[in-house]
Structures are given as C-alpha cells and as structure tokens.
C-alpha atoms as a PDB file:
ATOM      1  CA  UNK A   1      -6.480 185.143 182.357  1.00  0.00           C
ATOM      2  CA  UNK A   2      -8.480 184.764 185.582  1.00  0.00           C
ATOM      3  CA  UNK A   3      -9.749 181.353 184.478  1.00  0.00           C
ATOM      4  CA  UNK A   4      -6.199 180.166 183.772  1.00  0.00           C
ATOM      5  CA  UNK A   5      -5.030 181.198 187.266  1.00  0.00           C
ATOM      6  CA  UNK A   6      -8.007 179.448 188.865  1.00  0.00           C
ATOM      7  CA  UNK A   7      -7.312 176.329 186.821  1.00  0.00           C
ATOM      8  CA  UNK A   8      -3.642 176.273 187.821  1.00  0.00           C
ATOM      9  CA  UNK A   9      -4.488 176.821 191.500  1.00  0.00           C
ATOM     10  CA  UNK A  10      -6.983 173.972 191.369  1.00  0.00           C
ATOM     11  CA  UNK A  11      -4.477 171.707 189.615  1.00  0.00           C
ATOM     12  CA  UNK A  12      -1.786 172.631 192.140  1.00  0.00           C
ATOM     13  CA  UNK A  13      -4.106 171.921 195.080  1.00  0.00           C
ATOM     14  CA  UNK A  14      -5.017 168.539 193.569  1.00  0.00           C
ATOM     15  CA  UNK A  15      -1.340 167.680 193.030  1.00  0.00           C
ATOM     16  CA  UNK A  16      -0.492 168.576 196.634  1.00  0.00           C
ATOM     17  CA  UNK A  17      -3.321 166.438 198.009  1.00  0.00           C
ATOM     18  CA  UNK A  18      -2.259 163.504 195.820  1.00  0.00           C
ATOM     19  CA  UNK A  19       1.380 163.868 196.854  1.00  0.00           C
ATOM     20  CA  UNK A  20       0.457 163.894 200.530  1.00  0.00           C
ATOM     21  CA  UNK A  21      -1.758 160.836 200.045  1.00  0.00           C
ATOM     22  CA  UNK A  22       0.832 158.808 198.106  1.00  0.00           C
ATOM     23  CA  UNK A  23       2.997 157.623 201.040  1.00  0.00           C
ATOM     24  CA  UNK A  24      -0.035 156.352 202.951  1.00  0.00           C
ATOM     25  CA  UNK A  25      -1.315 154.571 199.869  1.00  0.00           C
ATOM     26  CA  UNK A  26       2.076 153.013 199.182  1.00  0.00           C
ATOM     27  CA  UNK A  27       2.353 151.756 202.773  1.00  0.00           C
ATOM     28  CA  UNK A  28      -0.980 149.939 202.431  1.00  0.00           C
ATOM     29  CA  UNK A  29       0.356 148.070 199.411  1.00  0.00           C
ATOM     30  CA  UNK A  30       3.733 147.132 200.870  1.00  0.00           C
ATOM     31  CA  UNK A  31       4.896 143.605 200.144  1.00  0.00           C
ATOM     32  CA  UNK A  32       6.942 141.377 202.418  1.00  0.00           C
ATOM     33  CA  UNK A  33       9.705 139.510 200.591  1.00  0.00           C
ATOM     34  CA  UNK A  34      10.745 137.527 203.664  1.00  0.00           C
ATOM     35  CA  UNK A  35       8.850 134.691 205.403  1.00  0.00           C
ATOM     36  CA  UNK A  36       6.212 135.696 207.960  1.00  0.00           C
ATOM     37  CA  UNK A  37       5.116 133.850 211.114  1.00  0.00           C
ATOM     38  CA  UNK A  38       1.624 134.229 212.558  1.00  0.00           C
ATOM     39  CA  UNK A  39       1.273 133.159 216.199  1.00  0.00           C
ATOM     40  CA  UNK A  40      -0.270 134.269 219.506  1.00  0.00           C
ATOM     41  CA  UNK A  41       1.587 137.600 219.270  1.00  0.00           C
ATOM     42  CA  UNK A  42       0.905 138.353 215.602  1.00  0.00           C
ATOM     43  CA  UNK A  43      -2.448 137.046 214.380  1.00  0.00           C
ATOM     44  CA  UNK A  44      -3.051 139.259 211.336  1.00  0.00           C
ATOM     45  CA  UNK A  45      -1.159 139.418 208.077  1.00  0.00           C
ATOM     46  CA  UNK A  46      -0.743 143.125 207.356  1.00  0.00           C
ATOM     47  CA  UNK A  47       0.659 142.946 203.823  1.00  0.00           C
ATOM     48  CA  UNK A  48       1.044 140.653 200.839  1.00  0.00           C
ATOM     49  CA  UNK A  49       3.869 138.113 201.075  1.00  0.00           C
ATOM     50  CA  UNK A  50       5.750 137.357 197.842  1.00  0.00           C
ATOM     51  CA  UNK A  51       8.861 135.186 198.004  1.00  0.00           C
ATOM     52  CA  UNK A  52      10.731 134.121 194.875  1.00  0.00           C
ATOM     53  CA  UNK A  53      13.913 132.120 194.583  1.00  0.00           C
ATOM     54  CA  UNK A  54      15.659 128.862 193.871  1.00  0.00           C
ATOM     55  CA  UNK A  55      15.573 127.337 197.368  1.00  0.00           C
ATOM     56  CA  UNK A  56      12.964 125.755 199.673  1.00  0.00           C
ATOM     57  CA  UNK A  57      10.280 128.280 200.590  1.00  0.00           C
ATOM     58  CA  UNK A  58       7.574 128.463 203.236  1.00  0.00           C
ATOM     59  CA  UNK A  59       6.069 131.924 202.796  1.00  0.00           C
ATOM     60  CA  UNK A  60       3.851 132.023 205.919  1.00  0.00           C
ATOM     61  CA  UNK A  61       4.042 129.780 208.995  1.00  0.00           C
ATOM     62  CA  UNK A  62       1.139 129.597 211.445  1.00  0.00           C
ATOM     63  CA  UNK A  63       2.654 128.435 214.742  1.00  0.00           C
ATOM     64  CA  UNK A  64       0.118 127.309 217.349  1.00  0.00           C
ATOM     65  CA  UNK A  65       2.442 125.657 219.912  1.00  0.00           C
ATOM     66  CA  UNK A  66       3.206 128.811 221.892  1.00  0.00           C
ATOM     67  CA  UNK A  67      -0.460 129.645 222.375  1.00  0.00           C
ATOM     68  CA  UNK A  68      -2.216 128.637 225.590  1.00  0.00           C
ATOM     69  CA  UNK A  69      -5.542 128.468 223.739  1.00  0.00           C
ATOM     70  CA  UNK A  70      -6.915 127.984 220.252  1.00  0.00           C
ATOM     71  CA  UNK A  71      -5.664 130.496 217.707  1.00  0.00           C
ATOM     72  CA  UNK A  72      -7.580 132.738 215.309  1.00  0.00           C
ATOM     73  CA  UNK A  73      -5.555 134.245 212.468  1.00  0.00           C
ATOM     74  CA  UNK A  74      -6.514 136.313 209.451  1.00  0.00           C
ATOM     75  CA  UNK A  75      -4.776 136.971 206.163  1.00  0.00           C
ATOM     76  CA  UNK A  76      -6.621 140.297 205.960  1.00  0.00           C
ATOM     77  CA  UNK A  77      -7.380 139.914 202.258  1.00  0.00           C
ATOM     78  CA  UNK A  78      -3.655 139.842 201.485  1.00  0.00           C
ATOM     79  CA  UNK A  79      -2.163 137.406 198.998  1.00  0.00           C
ATOM     80  CA  UNK A  80       0.625 134.921 199.718  1.00  0.00           C
ATOM     81  CA  UNK A  81       2.938 133.679 196.959  1.00  0.00           C
ATOM     82  CA  UNK A  82       5.822 131.221 197.184  1.00  0.00           C
ATOM     83  CA  UNK A  83       7.580 130.704 193.850  1.00  0.00           C
ATOM     84  CA  UNK A  84      10.766 128.692 193.506  1.00  0.00           C
ATOM     85  CA  UNK A  85      12.653 126.730 190.890  1.00  0.00           C
ATOM     86  CA  UNK A  86      14.287 124.481 193.512  1.00  0.00           C
ATOM     87  CA  UNK A  87      14.272 120.970 192.088  1.00  0.00           C
ATOM     88  CA  UNK A  88      14.526 118.616 195.069  1.00  0.00           C
ATOM     89  CA  UNK A  89      12.889 120.524 197.897  1.00  0.00           C
ATOM     90  CA  UNK A  90       9.441 121.777 198.821  1.00  0.00           C
ATOM     91  CA  UNK A  91       7.655 125.039 198.081  1.00  0.00           C
ATOM     92  CA  UNK A  92       4.837 125.910 200.512  1.00  0.00           C
ATOM     93  CA  UNK A  93       2.535 128.906 200.584  1.00  0.00           C
ATOM     94  CA  UNK A  94       1.321 128.408 204.173  1.00  0.00           C
ATOM     95  CA  UNK A  95       2.362 125.856 206.801  1.00  0.00           C
ATOM     96  CA  UNK A  96       0.321 125.214 209.963  1.00  0.00           C
ATOM     97  CA  UNK A  97       2.288 123.639 212.807  1.00  0.00           C
ATOM     98  CA  UNK A  98       1.827 123.054 216.519  1.00  0.00           C
ATOM     99  CA  UNK A  99      -0.734 121.336 218.696  1.00  0.00           C
ATOM    100  CA  UNK A 100      -3.604 123.811 219.093  1.00  0.00           C
ATOM    101  CA  UNK A 101      -6.732 124.307 217.031  1.00  0.00           C
ATOM    102  CA  UNK A 102      -6.664 127.200 214.589  1.00  0.00           C
ATOM    103  CA  UNK A 103      -9.260 129.167 212.631  1.00  0.00           C
ATOM    104  CA  UNK A 104      -7.864 130.848 209.518  1.00  0.00           C
ATOM    105  CA  UNK A 105      -9.791 133.684 207.887  1.00  0.00           C
ATOM    106  CA  UNK A 106      -8.536 133.632 204.294  1.00  0.00           C
ATOM    107  CA  UNK A 107     -11.432 135.552 202.753  1.00  0.00           C
ATOM    108  CA  UNK A 108     -10.355 137.551 199.675  1.00  0.00           C
ATOM    109  CA  UNK A 109      -6.833 136.065 199.831  1.00  0.00           C
ATOM    110  CA  UNK A 110      -5.076 133.917 197.238  1.00  0.00           C
ATOM    111  CA  UNK A 111      -2.387 131.548 198.483  1.00  0.00           C
ATOM    112  CA  UNK A 112      -0.084 130.293 195.722  1.00  0.00           C
ATOM    113  CA  UNK A 113       2.814 127.833 195.621  1.00  0.00           C
ATOM    114  CA  UNK A 114       4.437 127.464 192.233  1.00  0.00           C
ATOM    115  CA  UNK A 115       7.566 126.731 190.244  1.00  0.00           C
ATOM    116  CA  UNK A 116       9.009 123.838 188.296  1.00  0.00           C
ATOM    117  CA  UNK A 117      10.628 121.075 190.364  1.00  0.00           C
ATOM    118  CA  UNK A 118      10.489 117.341 191.012  1.00  0.00           C
ATOM    119  CA  UNK A 119       9.236 117.902 194.586  1.00  0.00           C
ATOM    120  CA  UNK A 120       5.665 118.974 195.263  1.00  0.00           C
ATOM    121  CA  UNK A 121       4.410 122.572 195.360  1.00  0.00           C
ATOM    122  CA  UNK A 122       1.747 122.907 198.081  1.00  0.00           C
ATOM    123  CA  UNK A 123      -0.484 125.912 198.745  1.00  0.00           C
ATOM    124  CA  UNK A 124      -1.062 124.891 202.397  1.00  0.00           C
ATOM    125  CA  UNK A 125       0.598 122.207 204.524  1.00  0.00           C
ATOM    126  CA  UNK A 126      -1.161 121.227 207.755  1.00  0.00           C
ATOM    127  CA  UNK A 127       1.554 119.681 209.925  1.00  0.00           C
ATOM    128  CA  UNK A 128      -0.228 120.123 213.247  1.00  0.00           C
ATOM    129  CA  UNK A 129      -2.215 117.926 215.601  1.00  0.00           C
ATOM    130  CA  UNK A 130      -4.975 120.468 216.200  1.00  0.00           C
ATOM    131  CA  UNK A 131      -8.144 120.961 214.207  1.00  0.00           C
ATOM    132  CA  UNK A 132      -8.070 123.523 211.400  1.00  0.00           C
ATOM    133  CA  UNK A 133     -10.946 125.628 210.083  1.00  0.00           C
ATOM    134  CA  UNK A 134     -10.372 127.656 206.917  1.00  0.00           C
ATOM    135  CA  UNK A 135     -12.892 130.331 205.986  1.00  0.00           C
ATOM    136  CA  UNK A 136     -12.667 131.470 202.373  1.00  0.00           C
ATOM    137  CA  UNK A 137      -9.452 131.665 200.438  1.00  0.00           C
ATOM    138  CA  UNK A 138      -8.276 130.576 197.025  1.00  0.00           C
ATOM    139  CA  UNK A 139      -5.483 127.982 197.317  1.00  0.00           C
ATOM    140  CA  UNK A 140      -3.475 127.477 194.117  1.00  0.00           C
ATOM    141  CA  UNK A 141      -0.589 125.076 193.459  1.00  0.00           C
ATOM    142  CA  UNK A 142       1.229 124.942 190.101  1.00  0.00           C
ATOM    143  CA  UNK A 143       4.122 122.747 188.995  1.00  0.00           C
ATOM    144  CA  UNK A 144       4.749 121.945 185.337  1.00  0.00           C
ATOM    145  CA  UNK A 145       7.536 119.492 186.189  1.00  0.00           C
ATOM    146  CA  UNK A 146       6.164 117.595 189.229  1.00  0.00           C
ATOM    147  CA  UNK A 147       3.260 117.305 191.660  1.00  0.00           C
ATOM    148  CA  UNK A 148       1.000 120.121 192.815  1.00  0.00           C
ATOM    149  CA  UNK A 149      -1.181 119.856 195.935  1.00  0.00           C
ATOM    150  CA  UNK A 150      -3.727 122.367 197.165  1.00  0.00           C
ATOM    151  CA  UNK A 151      -3.838 121.286 200.828  1.00  0.00           C
ATOM    152  CA  UNK A 152      -1.649 118.543 202.322  1.00  0.00           C
ATOM    153  CA  UNK A 153      -2.469 116.937 205.689  1.00  0.00           C
ATOM    154  CA  UNK A 154       0.818 115.815 207.235  1.00  0.00           C
ATOM    155  CA  UNK A 155       0.205 115.755 210.998  1.00  0.00           C
ATOM    156  CA  UNK A 156       1.339 112.819 213.151  1.00  0.00           C
ATOM    157  CA  UNK A 157      -2.301 112.060 213.911  1.00  0.00           C
ATOM    158  CA  UNK A 158      -5.574 112.822 212.215  1.00  0.00           C
ATOM    159  CA  UNK A 159      -7.094 116.258 212.534  1.00  0.00           C
ATOM    160  CA  UNK A 160     -10.446 117.652 211.574  1.00  0.00           C
ATOM    161  CA  UNK A 161     -10.138 120.090 208.706  1.00  0.00           C
ATOM    162  CA  UNK A 162     -13.148 122.223 207.821  1.00  0.00           C
ATOM    163  CA  UNK A 163     -13.241 124.303 204.651  1.00  0.00           C
ATOM    164  CA  UNK A 164     -15.918 126.991 204.348  1.00  0.00           C
ATOM    165  CA  UNK A 165     -16.159 128.698 200.962  1.00  0.00           C
ATOM    166  CA  UNK A 166     -12.604 127.677 200.085  1.00  0.00           C
ATOM    167  CA  UNK A 167     -11.431 127.167 196.492  1.00  0.00           C
ATOM    168  CA  UNK A 168      -8.586 124.756 195.688  1.00  0.00           C
ATOM    169  CA  UNK A 169      -6.817 124.586 192.321  1.00  0.00           C
ATOM    170  CA  UNK A 170      -3.918 122.163 191.749  1.00  0.00           C
ATOM    171  CA  UNK A 171      -2.137 122.034 188.388  1.00  0.00           C
ATOM    172  CA  UNK A 172       0.671 119.470 188.354  1.00  0.00           C
ATOM    173  CA  UNK A 173       2.445 117.419 185.721  1.00  0.00           C
ATOM    174  CA  UNK A 174       0.125 114.535 184.836  1.00  0.00           C
ATOM    175  CA  UNK A 175       3.024 112.063 184.653  1.00  0.00           C
ATOM    176  CA  UNK A 176       4.293 112.833 188.185  1.00  0.00           C
ATOM    177  CA  UNK A 177       3.486 110.583 191.170  1.00  0.00           C
ATOM    178  CA  UNK A 178       0.573 112.569 192.628  1.00  0.00           C
ATOM    179  CA  UNK A 179       0.079 114.890 189.652  1.00  0.00           C
ATOM    180  CA  UNK A 180      -2.692 117.329 190.603  1.00  0.00           C
ATOM    181  CA  UNK A 181      -4.184 116.729 194.049  1.00  0.00           C
ATOM    182  CA  UNK A 182      -6.691 119.075 195.679  1.00  0.00           C
ATOM    183  CA  UNK A 183      -6.368 117.518 199.168  1.00  0.00           C
ATOM    184  CA  UNK A 184      -3.711 114.962 200.105  1.00  0.00           C
ATOM    185  CA  UNK A 185      -3.813 113.079 203.429  1.00  0.00           C
ATOM    186  CA  UNK A 186      -0.367 111.695 204.209  1.00  0.00           C
ATOM    187  CA  UNK A 187      -1.088 110.434 207.743  1.00  0.00           C
ATOM    188  CA  UNK A 188      -3.930 110.054 210.204  1.00  0.00           C
END
C-alpha cells in the first residue's frame, strides 16, 4: 500500500509540473496566420508564419526604407509558409523592399511559397535597391500549374546578393514560361 501511495504522489507531482510547463511550451510554438513585417523596430521573427488562402500572399515583408542604417534581421529558426490557390496573382514567402542593405539570418528556417496557379510562386522576392546577404535558409517554391522561383531579383537597379549556406529548391510546371528557376533576375 505504501508503494502505491508513493507512486501516485510521484505521478501527481509529474502531472502538475507538466501542466505548469504546457502554456510556456505552447507559447514557444505559436504560429502567426497573418502577414508579418520586419523593419528597424522589429528585427526578429518570434514565431512561425503560416498563411493559407486563395488570394495574393506575402507572408513576411522586410522593409528597409524606414531605417537610417543597414538592417540586420533574423528568422530565429522559424519557418515561413505562404500557400495559395490564387490563379492570377503572386504568392511570396518573403519580400525585401526599400533602399538599405540588409543581412538576413535564415539559419534553420525554411521559407516556402506554394500552390497551384498560373502566376509564379516565389520563396523570396528582392524588390529593393540595397545589397542583400542571406545566411543559411532553405528556400522552397512549388507550383504544379505554373512557374516556381526560389529567389527573384526585381529591384529597379542591380543589387549585390550574397548567399552563404543557402539552399534553393524550385519545382514548377515544366511547360510554364519559366518553369523551375532557382534565381531569376528580372532587372539590373
């Protein structure tokens, strides 16, 4: 009988500790289902971003214009997913805009843009005039119906883009205009 009481007390103590730990654990794994902007005021992604739908999506925007100096941002090992079935509009995992240089720490993060549509699915769009350095990261674009691009350079002038330990995977429809493109330079 004594052993049974000791066992139940031990089990109860374990259950209490687990229950008290659960809210903190759940908060660490929270997921944003709305677009996130990283800028001079918010430089770190603090949770995964997962946005699904049937409209144009840009899951995370990195805005450098408001910064008075170059910007360093980190995805903090969190994943970013933009998934949409919109046919004639774009789906973007991350979009970099503005006129300042930016360093992106994407180590241990996967950035995905996916969904069937005639317009391209792009893991990262660089629509800025500053230089961009990406450290790490796994950039994935999937589109069974149209084009898929890992990283698209769309700035009004050329920028230097440096990739350090970055993986790019583009899986588009082979009969579409650009099919599967790891890096696409539109301008500059």
